[in-house]
Protein backbone atom coordinates (compact mmCIF):
# COMPACT_ATOMS: atom_id res chain seq x y z
CA MET A 1 0.00 0.00 0.00
CA SER A 2 1.47 3.39 -1.01
CA GLN A 3 2.05 6.08 1.56
CA SER A 4 0.17 9.37 1.41
CA PRO A 5 2.29 12.57 1.54
CA GLN A 6 1.22 13.03 5.15
CA SER A 7 2.21 9.50 6.19
CA ALA A 8 5.34 9.18 4.04
CA PRO A 9 8.32 8.51 6.35
CA LEU A 10 10.41 11.65 6.82
CA HIS A 11 13.65 9.80 6.04
CA ARG A 12 12.32 8.96 2.56
CA LEU A 13 11.31 12.57 1.94
CA LEU A 14 14.71 13.78 3.15
CA SER A 15 16.46 11.40 0.78
CA GLN A 16 14.30 12.48 -2.17
CA ALA A 17 14.80 16.17 -1.32
CA ALA A 18 18.56 15.57 -1.10
CA ASP A 19 18.51 14.05 -4.60
CA ALA A 20 16.66 17.14 -5.83
CA VAL A 21 19.12 19.56 -4.20
CA GLN A 22 22.07 17.56 -5.52
CA GLY A 23 20.54 17.74 -9.02
CA VAL A 24 20.09 21.52 -8.81
CA ARG A 25 23.71 21.92 -7.65
CA GLU A 26 24.71 19.92 -10.74
CA GLY A 27 22.74 22.30 -12.98
CA ARG A 28 19.40 20.53 -13.45
CA SER A 29 15.95 22.11 -13.17
CA LEU A 30 14.01 21.38 -9.97
CA THR A 31 10.81 21.01 -12.01
CA ASP A 32 12.37 18.19 -14.02
CA LEU A 33 13.85 16.57 -10.92
CA LEU A 34 10.53 16.61 -9.03
CA ALA A 35 8.77 15.03 -12.01
CA ARG A 36 10.87 11.90 -11.41
CA VAL A 37 9.87 11.60 -7.74
CA PRO A 38 7.20 8.95 -7.00
CA ALA A 39 3.80 10.67 -7.05
CA GLU A 40 2.98 9.82 -3.44
CA LEU A 41 6.24 11.42 -2.26
CA ARG A 42 6.22 14.46 -4.56
CA PRO A 43 4.30 17.03 -2.43
CA GLY A 44 6.39 16.33 0.68
CA THR A 45 9.62 16.26 -1.32
CA GLN A 46 8.80 19.57 -3.00
CA ALA A 47 8.08 21.24 0.35
CA LEU A 48 11.44 20.12 1.80
CA ALA A 49 13.38 20.94 -1.38
CA PHE A 50 11.86 24.44 -1.58
CA THR A 51 12.85 25.16 2.02
CA ALA A 52 16.35 23.80 1.46
CA LEU A 53 16.90 25.90 -1.68
CA ARG A 54 15.59 29.05 0.02
CA ARG A 55 18.19 28.54 2.76
CA LEU A 56 20.94 26.93 0.69
CA GLY A 57 23.45 29.79 0.96
CA GLY A 58 23.40 29.67 4.74
CA ALA A 59 23.40 25.88 4.85
CA GLU A 60 26.45 25.70 2.56
CA ALA A 61 28.32 28.24 4.69
CA VAL A 62 27.59 26.26 7.87
CA ARG A 63 28.54 22.95 6.31
CA GLN A 64 31.89 24.46 5.28
CA GLN A 65 32.47 25.50 8.90
CA LEU A 66 31.55 22.08 10.28
CA ALA A 67 33.20 19.98 7.56
CA PRO A 68 35.73 22.03 5.55
CA LYS A 69 36.44 19.05 3.30
CA ALA A 70 33.25 18.42 1.34
CA PRO A 71 31.80 14.92 1.79
CA PRO A 72 30.61 12.91 -1.24
CA PRO A 73 27.77 14.70 -3.13
CA ARG A 74 25.01 12.35 -1.92
CA VAL A 75 26.05 12.90 1.71
CA ASP A 76 26.64 16.63 1.23
CA ALA A 77 23.18 17.16 -0.27
CA LEU A 78 21.52 15.31 2.61
CA LEU A 79 23.46 17.40 5.13
CA LEU A 80 22.45 20.63 3.39
CA VAL A 81 18.77 19.70 3.44
CA ALA A 82 18.94 18.77 7.13
CA LEU A 83 20.88 21.93 8.06
CA ALA A 84 18.35 24.09 6.17
CA LEU A 85 15.46 22.45 8.04
CA LEU A 86 17.28 22.90 11.37
CA TRP A 87 17.83 26.62 10.65
CA PRO A 88 16.35 28.96 13.29
CA ASP A 89 12.63 29.15 12.57
CA PRO A 90 9.78 30.42 14.81
CA GLU A 91 7.57 27.63 13.44
CA PRO A 92 9.81 24.68 12.55
CA ALA A 93 8.21 21.92 10.51
CA TYR A 94 9.84 19.20 12.63
CA ALA A 95 11.34 18.85 16.10
CA ASP A 96 15.15 18.98 16.08
CA HIS A 97 15.62 15.48 17.46
CA THR A 98 13.16 14.01 14.94
CA LEU A 99 14.96 15.66 12.06
CA VAL A 100 18.41 14.46 13.15
CA ASP A 101 17.13 10.94 13.75
CA GLN A 102 15.47 10.77 10.33
CA ALA A 103 18.46 12.32 8.54
CA VAL A 104 20.72 9.65 10.05
CA HIS A 105 18.19 7.01 8.95
CA ALA A 106 18.33 8.44 5.41
CA ALA A 107 22.15 8.40 5.53
CA LYS A 108 22.15 4.69 6.42
CA THR A 109 20.24 4.07 3.19
CA ARG A 110 22.18 6.49 0.97
CA ALA A 111 25.71 6.02 2.28
CA PRO A 112 25.87 3.69 5.33
CA ALA A 113 29.50 4.50 6.13
CA SER A 114 28.59 8.21 6.52
CA ALA A 115 25.72 7.84 9.01
CA ALA A 116 27.90 8.52 12.08
CA PHE A 117 29.44 11.55 10.32
CA VAL A 118 25.99 12.97 9.50
CA ASN A 119 24.88 12.42 13.10
CA ALA A 120 27.97 14.17 14.48
CA VAL A 121 27.72 17.18 12.15
CA LEU A 122 24.01 17.77 12.84
CA ARG A 123 24.35 17.39 16.61
CA ARG A 124 27.26 19.83 16.68
CA PHE A 125 25.17 22.29 14.65
CA LEU A 126 22.41 22.10 17.25
CA ARG A 127 24.90 22.70 20.08
CA GLU A 128 26.52 25.71 18.38
CA ARG A 129 23.61 26.87 16.20
CA ASP A 130 23.52 30.57 17.11
CA ALA A 131 27.26 31.10 16.62
CA LEU A 132 27.40 29.07 13.39
CA VAL A 133 24.41 30.89 11.87
CA ALA A 134 25.85 34.28 12.81
CA ALA A 135 29.16 33.36 11.15
CA ALA A 136 27.38 32.11 8.01
CA GLU A 137 25.48 35.37 7.69
CA ARG A 138 28.65 37.46 7.56
CA ASN A 139 28.96 36.86 3.80
CA PRO A 140 26.30 37.91 1.24
CA GLN A 141 25.50 34.38 0.03
CA GLY A 142 24.96 33.13 3.57
CA ALA A 143 23.05 36.23 4.67
CA PHE A 144 20.68 36.50 1.69
CA ASN A 145 20.62 32.93 0.30
CA HIS A 146 21.40 34.10 -3.23
CA PRO A 147 24.71 33.90 -5.13
CA ALA A 148 26.97 36.85 -4.29
CA TRP A 149 26.91 38.12 -7.90
CA TRP A 150 23.08 38.16 -7.85
CA VAL A 151 23.05 40.14 -4.60
CA GLU A 152 25.50 42.67 -6.06
CA LYS A 153 23.52 43.04 -9.30
CA LEU A 154 20.33 43.75 -7.36
CA ARG A 155 22.17 46.23 -5.15
CA GLN A 156 23.35 48.11 -8.24
CA ASP A 157 19.96 48.04 -9.99
CA TRP A 158 17.83 48.82 -6.93
CA PRO A 159 19.97 50.59 -4.28
CA ALA A 160 16.95 51.38 -2.08
CA GLN A 161 15.03 48.10 -2.45
CA TRP A 162 17.57 45.32 -3.00
CA GLN A 163 17.38 43.87 0.50
CA ALA A 164 13.58 43.88 0.51
CA ILE A 165 13.55 42.10 -2.88
CA LEU A 166 15.91 39.41 -1.58
CA ALA A 167 13.79 38.94 1.54
CA ALA A 168 10.61 38.62 -0.56
CA ASN A 169 12.32 36.01 -2.74
CA ASN A 170 12.80 33.78 0.31
CA ARG A 171 9.15 33.81 1.36
CA PRO A 172 6.63 31.32 -0.02
CA PRO A 173 4.40 32.99 -2.64
CA PRO A 174 0.62 33.26 -2.46
CA MET A 175 -1.51 31.04 -4.69
CA THR A 176 -3.27 33.39 -7.11
CA LEU A 177 -6.04 32.37 -9.50
CA ARG A 178 -7.56 33.89 -12.64
CA VAL A 179 -11.31 33.42 -13.08
CA HIS A 180 -12.49 32.96 -16.69
CA ALA A 181 -13.81 36.38 -17.71
CA GLN A 182 -16.63 34.95 -19.85
CA ARG A 183 -17.95 32.62 -17.14
CA ALA A 184 -17.87 34.25 -13.70
CA THR A 185 -16.59 37.17 -11.67
CA ALA A 186 -13.83 36.81 -9.11
CA ALA A 187 -16.30 37.70 -6.34
CA GLU A 188 -18.68 34.92 -7.43
CA TYR A 189 -15.85 32.38 -7.39
CA VAL A 190 -14.69 33.53 -3.94
CA GLU A 191 -18.21 32.81 -2.64
CA ARG A 192 -18.08 29.36 -4.19
CA LEU A 193 -14.71 28.66 -2.58
CA ALA A 194 -15.99 29.85 0.81
CA GLY A 195 -18.74 27.24 0.64
CA LEU A 196 -16.03 24.58 0.35
CA GLY A 197 -14.00 25.92 3.26
CA LEU A 198 -11.37 27.54 1.02
CA PRO A 199 -11.19 31.21 2.07
CA ALA A 200 -9.94 33.64 -0.58
CA ARG A 201 -10.19 37.30 -1.48
CA VAL A 202 -10.54 39.34 -4.66
CA LEU A 203 -7.51 41.46 -5.58
CA GLY A 204 -9.41 44.01 -7.69
CA ALA A 205 -7.93 46.57 -10.10
CA PRO A 206 -5.74 46.37 -12.08
CA THR A 207 -6.36 42.59 -12.10
CA PRO A 208 -10.17 42.25 -11.77
CA GLN A 209 -10.19 38.49 -12.49
CA ALA A 210 -7.59 37.71 -9.83
CA LEU A 211 -8.12 36.26 -6.39
CA VAL A 212 -5.69 34.94 -3.83
CA LEU A 213 -6.25 31.92 -1.62
CA ASP A 214 -5.58 32.22 2.10
CA ARG A 215 -3.83 28.84 1.87
CA PRO A 216 -2.53 27.07 -1.25
CA ALA A 217 -4.69 24.16 -2.42
CA PRO A 218 -4.25 21.44 -5.05
CA VAL A 219 -5.96 22.31 -8.34
CA THR A 220 -8.09 19.18 -7.93
CA ALA A 221 -9.77 20.94 -4.98
CA LEU A 222 -10.71 24.01 -7.09
CA PRO A 223 -14.31 23.81 -8.36
CA GLY A 224 -14.53 24.04 -12.13
CA PHE A 225 -10.77 23.84 -12.69
CA ALA A 226 -10.97 20.83 -15.04
CA GLU A 227 -13.70 22.61 -17.02
CA GLY A 228 -11.65 25.80 -17.42
CA LEU A 229 -13.55 28.04 -15.01
CA VAL A 230 -10.34 29.04 -13.24
CA SER A 231 -6.58 28.96 -13.84
CA VAL A 232 -3.51 29.39 -11.65
CA GLN A 233 -1.69 32.60 -12.60
CA ASP A 234 0.09 35.27 -10.57
CA ALA A 235 -1.48 38.72 -10.63
CA ALA A 236 1.61 40.22 -12.34
CA ALA A 237 1.19 37.80 -15.26
CA GLN A 238 -2.48 38.80 -15.48
CA LEU A 239 -1.46 42.33 -16.56
CA ALA A 240 -0.14 41.23 -19.97
CA ALA A 241 -3.43 40.49 -21.76
CA PRO A 242 -5.34 43.67 -20.82
CA LEU A 243 -2.26 45.79 -21.56
CA LEU A 244 -2.00 44.33 -25.07
CA LEU A 245 -5.72 44.37 -25.87
CA GLY A 246 -6.38 47.80 -24.40
CA THR A 247 -9.44 47.32 -22.23
CA GLY A 248 -9.88 51.00 -21.37
CA PRO A 249 -12.44 53.33 -23.01
CA ASP A 250 -9.76 55.08 -25.10
CA PHE A 251 -8.67 51.96 -27.00
CA LYS A 252 -9.78 48.41 -27.68
CA LEU A 253 -8.33 46.04 -30.26
CA ARG A 254 -10.68 45.60 -33.23
CA PRO A 255 -12.88 42.46 -33.47
CA GLY A 256 -11.12 39.58 -35.20
CA ALA A 257 -7.71 41.19 -34.79
CA ARG A 258 -4.58 39.24 -35.75
CA VAL A 259 -2.52 38.68 -32.59
CA LEU A 260 0.84 36.98 -32.11
CA ASP A 261 1.95 35.42 -28.82
CA ALA A 262 5.61 35.01 -29.67
CA CYS A 263 6.93 32.92 -26.73
CA ALA A 264 3.71 31.37 -25.51
CA ALA A 265 4.53 28.40 -23.25
CA PRO A 266 3.06 27.39 -20.88
CA GLY A 267 0.06 29.29 -22.24
CA GLY A 268 -1.43 31.25 -19.34
CA LYS A 269 -1.23 34.59 -21.14
CA THR A 270 -2.40 33.01 -24.42
CA ALA A 271 -5.53 31.74 -22.70
CA HIS A 272 -6.12 35.06 -20.94
CA LEU A 273 -6.05 36.93 -24.26
CA LEU A 274 -8.78 34.64 -25.62
CA GLU A 275 -10.83 34.91 -22.42
CA LEU A 276 -10.90 38.70 -22.76
CA GLN A 277 -11.48 38.73 -26.53
CA PRO A 278 -12.61 35.32 -27.85
CA ASP A 279 -12.78 36.43 -31.53
CA LEU A 280 -9.01 36.99 -31.89
CA GLN A 281 -7.10 35.29 -34.70
CA LEU A 282 -4.30 34.21 -32.41
CA THR A 283 -1.01 32.58 -33.38
CA ALA A 284 1.09 31.15 -30.55
CA LEU A 285 4.75 30.26 -31.02
CA ASP A 286 7.32 28.54 -28.88
CA ALA A 287 10.75 27.20 -29.77
CA ASP A 288 10.24 24.16 -27.52
CA ALA A 289 7.75 21.71 -29.02
CA GLN A 290 7.29 19.91 -25.72
CA ARG A 291 6.46 23.15 -23.90
CA LEU A 292 4.12 24.11 -26.74
CA GLY A 293 2.20 20.95 -25.88
CA ARG A 294 1.42 22.54 -22.51
CA VAL A 295 -0.09 25.53 -24.35
CA GLN A 296 -2.39 23.16 -26.23
CA ASP A 297 -3.32 21.40 -22.98
CA ASN A 298 -4.25 24.75 -21.44
CA LEU A 299 -6.32 25.79 -24.44
CA THR A 300 -8.08 22.43 -24.57
CA ARG A 301 -9.06 22.65 -20.89
CA LEU A 302 -10.44 26.14 -21.47
CA GLY A 303 -12.22 25.25 -24.73
CA GLN A 304 -10.15 27.71 -26.77
CA GLN A 305 -8.44 27.60 -30.16
CA ALA A 306 -5.28 29.14 -31.57
CA THR A 307 -2.75 28.37 -34.29
CA LEU A 308 0.27 26.79 -32.61
CA LYS A 309 3.72 26.62 -34.22
CA ALA A 310 6.89 25.11 -32.74
CA VAL A 311 9.40 27.58 -34.21
CA ASP A 312 12.06 30.09 -33.21
CA ALA A 313 10.16 33.39 -33.41
CA ARG A 314 13.33 35.12 -34.65
CA GLN A 315 13.33 33.03 -37.85
CA THR A 316 10.35 34.89 -39.33
CA ALA A 317 10.91 33.66 -42.89
CA ALA A 318 10.20 30.12 -41.71
CA TRP A 319 6.73 30.78 -40.25
CA TRP A 320 5.29 34.24 -41.05
CA ASP A 321 2.70 34.47 -43.85
CA GLY A 322 3.49 38.12 -44.63
CA VAL A 323 0.27 39.56 -43.19
CA PRO A 324 1.01 42.12 -40.43
CA PHE A 325 -0.22 41.58 -36.89
CA ASP A 326 -2.45 44.09 -35.09
CA ALA A 327 -0.83 43.20 -31.77
CA ILE A 328 2.19 41.20 -30.59
CA LEU A 329 2.90 39.86 -27.12
CA LEU A 330 6.60 39.15 -26.59
CA ASP A 331 6.98 37.47 -23.19
CA ALA A 332 10.67 36.96 -23.79
CA PRO A 333 13.02 34.31 -22.37
CA CYS A 334 14.72 35.81 -19.33
CA SER A 335 16.57 35.12 -16.09
CA ALA A 336 13.28 34.52 -14.19
CA SER A 337 14.79 36.68 -11.43
CA GLY A 338 11.32 38.02 -10.63
CA ILE A 339 9.78 34.63 -9.86
CA VAL A 340 12.45 32.96 -7.71
CA ARG A 341 10.03 32.72 -4.78
CA ARG A 342 8.06 30.27 -6.99
CA HIS A 343 11.18 28.67 -8.48
CA PRO A 344 13.82 28.75 -5.73
CA ASP A 345 16.27 26.74 -7.86
CA VAL A 346 16.62 29.52 -10.46
CA ARG A 347 19.06 31.59 -8.39
CA TRP A 348 21.42 28.60 -8.07
CA LEU A 349 21.13 27.60 -11.76
CA ARG A 350 21.90 31.02 -13.27
CA ARG A 351 25.44 32.20 -13.96
CA PRO A 352 26.59 35.86 -14.13
CA ASP A 353 27.09 35.83 -17.91
CA ASP A 354 23.58 34.41 -18.48
CA ILE A 355 22.04 37.87 -18.10
CA ALA A 356 23.96 39.40 -21.02
CA ALA A 357 23.29 36.31 -23.16
CA LEU A 358 19.55 36.49 -22.44
CA ALA A 359 19.50 40.24 -23.11
CA ARG A 360 20.97 39.54 -26.58
CA ILE A 361 18.19 37.04 -27.33
CA GLN A 362 15.58 39.55 -26.13
CA ALA A 363 17.00 42.24 -28.44
CA GLU A 364 17.05 39.80 -31.38
CA LEU A 365 13.40 38.89 -30.76
CA LEU A 366 12.33 42.53 -30.55
CA ASP A 367 14.16 43.44 -33.76
CA ALA A 368 12.83 40.40 -35.64
CA LEU A 369 9.19 40.87 -34.62
CA TRP A 370 8.91 44.66 -34.90
CA PRO A 371 8.62 44.66 -38.74
CA LEU A 372 5.70 42.18 -38.43
CA LEU A 373 3.58 44.75 -36.58
CA ALA A 374 1.04 46.77 -38.58
CA PRO A 375 1.36 50.58 -38.49
CA GLY A 376 -0.55 51.73 -35.42
CA GLY A 377 -0.24 48.25 -33.91
CA ARG A 378 0.66 47.44 -30.32
CA LEU A 379 3.55 45.36 -28.99
CA VAL A 380 3.91 44.41 -25.35
CA TYR A 381 7.41 43.40 -24.26
CA ALA A 382 7.45 41.46 -21.01
CA THR A 383 9.99 39.65 -18.85
CA CYS A 384 9.59 38.05 -15.43
CA SER A 385 12.84 39.73 -14.37
CA VAL A 386 13.85 42.40 -11.87
CA PHE A 387 17.18 43.06 -13.58
CA ARG A 388 17.30 46.35 -15.49
CA ALA A 389 19.32 44.78 -18.32
CA GLU A 390 16.24 42.72 -19.20
CA GLY A 391 13.79 45.56 -18.63
CA GLN A 392 14.27 49.31 -18.81
CA ALA A 393 17.76 49.10 -20.33
CA GLN A 394 16.45 46.74 -23.02
CA LEU A 395 13.57 49.11 -23.80
CA ASP A 396 15.84 52.17 -23.95
CA ALA A 397 18.20 50.43 -26.39
CA PHE A 398 15.28 49.31 -28.60
CA LEU A 399 13.90 52.84 -28.81
CA GLN A 400 17.34 54.07 -29.91
CA ARG A 401 17.36 51.52 -32.75
CA HIS A 402 13.77 52.08 -33.95
CA ALA A 403 12.68 55.64 -34.64
CA ASP A 404 9.15 54.46 -35.56
CA ALA A 405 8.54 53.04 -32.06
CA LYS A 406 6.73 54.96 -29.34
CA SER A 407 6.71 53.81 -25.70
CA HIS A 408 3.62 54.41 -23.55
CA VAL A 409 3.48 54.67 -19.77
CA VAL A 410 0.42 52.96 -18.31
CA PRO A 411 0.33 53.43 -14.50
CA GLY A 412 0.09 50.14 -12.64
CA PHE A 413 1.05 48.15 -15.74
CA THR A 414 4.29 49.30 -17.36
CA GLY A 415 7.83 49.55 -16.04
CA HIS A 416 9.54 47.40 -13.42
CA LEU A 417 7.05 45.80 -11.04
CA LEU A 418 9.07 44.74 -8.01
CA PRO A 419 7.90 41.95 -5.65
CA LEU A 420 7.51 44.29 -2.69
CA ALA A 421 4.59 44.55 -0.27
CA ASP A 422 4.91 48.35 -0.02
CA ASN A 423 4.74 49.02 -3.76
CA ALA A 424 1.64 51.21 -3.86
CA THR A 425 0.87 50.45 -7.52
CA GLN A 426 0.38 46.77 -6.73
CA PRO A 427 -2.26 44.84 -4.83
CA SER A 428 -1.29 43.09 -1.63
CA PRO A 429 0.13 40.45 -1.39
CA PRO A 430 3.01 41.55 -3.62
CA LEU A 431 3.12 40.49 -7.24
CA ASP A 432 5.87 38.49 -8.86
CA GLY A 433 8.63 40.67 -10.29
CA PHE A 434 7.89 41.66 -13.91
CA PHE A 435 8.79 44.26 -16.50
CA TYR A 436 6.25 45.49 -19.05
CA ALA A 437 6.62 47.93 -21.94
CA LEU A 438 3.82 48.99 -24.31
CA LEU A 439 5.04 50.05 -27.76
CA THR A 440 3.07 51.35 -30.74
CA ARG A 441 4.33 51.65 -34.30
CA ARG A 442 4.02 55.13 -35.73
């Protein structure tokens, strides 16, 4: 009989989480690693791995103090997970003695000869915890649980907010939903959730379809999810579709307009565009055929249709039919530095030179797609990044290259949206970090 996540032995979850952390340290995506975890262990493993990755900088610094010579990777990863879970916490998930006992149990399975070593390291950490943590937090990586180069880049880009951004990155994100605009209001869906004991609240303008759950819940518990009544999407991502379509009284995209979603996967923004304006002739591209399959899955669940093409959007000669688009959404590949609270592995996977390489791809996409836009058409450039190189600096450089482009400021929508609770232009809880630019072609 399989174990439920609640009843799964902690030593098994610790071992699975250690495998995940080891994989991330070797350069693999946590999403891919978790997909290989047995289904009954996946929720518990994800919870432990997320905590470990949010505290990895401190855990690594402490492990180096306690064991200057790194143990074998399988043992090191287990130690890091255990140290992260033993980190000072007002509401620890497990009692200290339980965690040490179960970590030693996991070590006996993973590397029997190292069990006594694991036991000794963890018990010494508990004895000297305050001093060891204080020492770990004397360097940026240990203090902020981000690579030192990332901390420095944020400090340069956002001298007044960098510490608050780093702190927000280490907190679990809210679970935000988007209610299908053609089927219900957010307030109606909140009432429906309340009847099931799932309290939630409407976020309101500028994201009228958005609501946030008091506590995250599996999508299988959300009424109407399978039928497309509701989707999971952060409020920041819900700004893209109305910005492109122009939902205000001064502008609205014409009926039957030709729209391009240039980097569409996994399809949340694609679906939102069609929810707001179902008559669009929408073409969705993605360079990754497998990820494009997720777009189709999303559209199928929501009962929507679009033309999907697995192509590199930059290679326009290979896919464009020569007819200009009325509107283009370019949600460009980026560092994902604005969504690390949802993807805590990203900070450990990125390298300093990745940012410049991604900025080059973003510029190539902008330059390739701009000629496809009809005169008077709208292009929204978006990245889920807080780095200026992928946002305002990218926009400024584009405007220098293209005299026929005009940038529009739309309060609450455009510019750098930072994941901060005190950002007055954003609803509370804070949004993911995004950058949006609205361009029209003269």
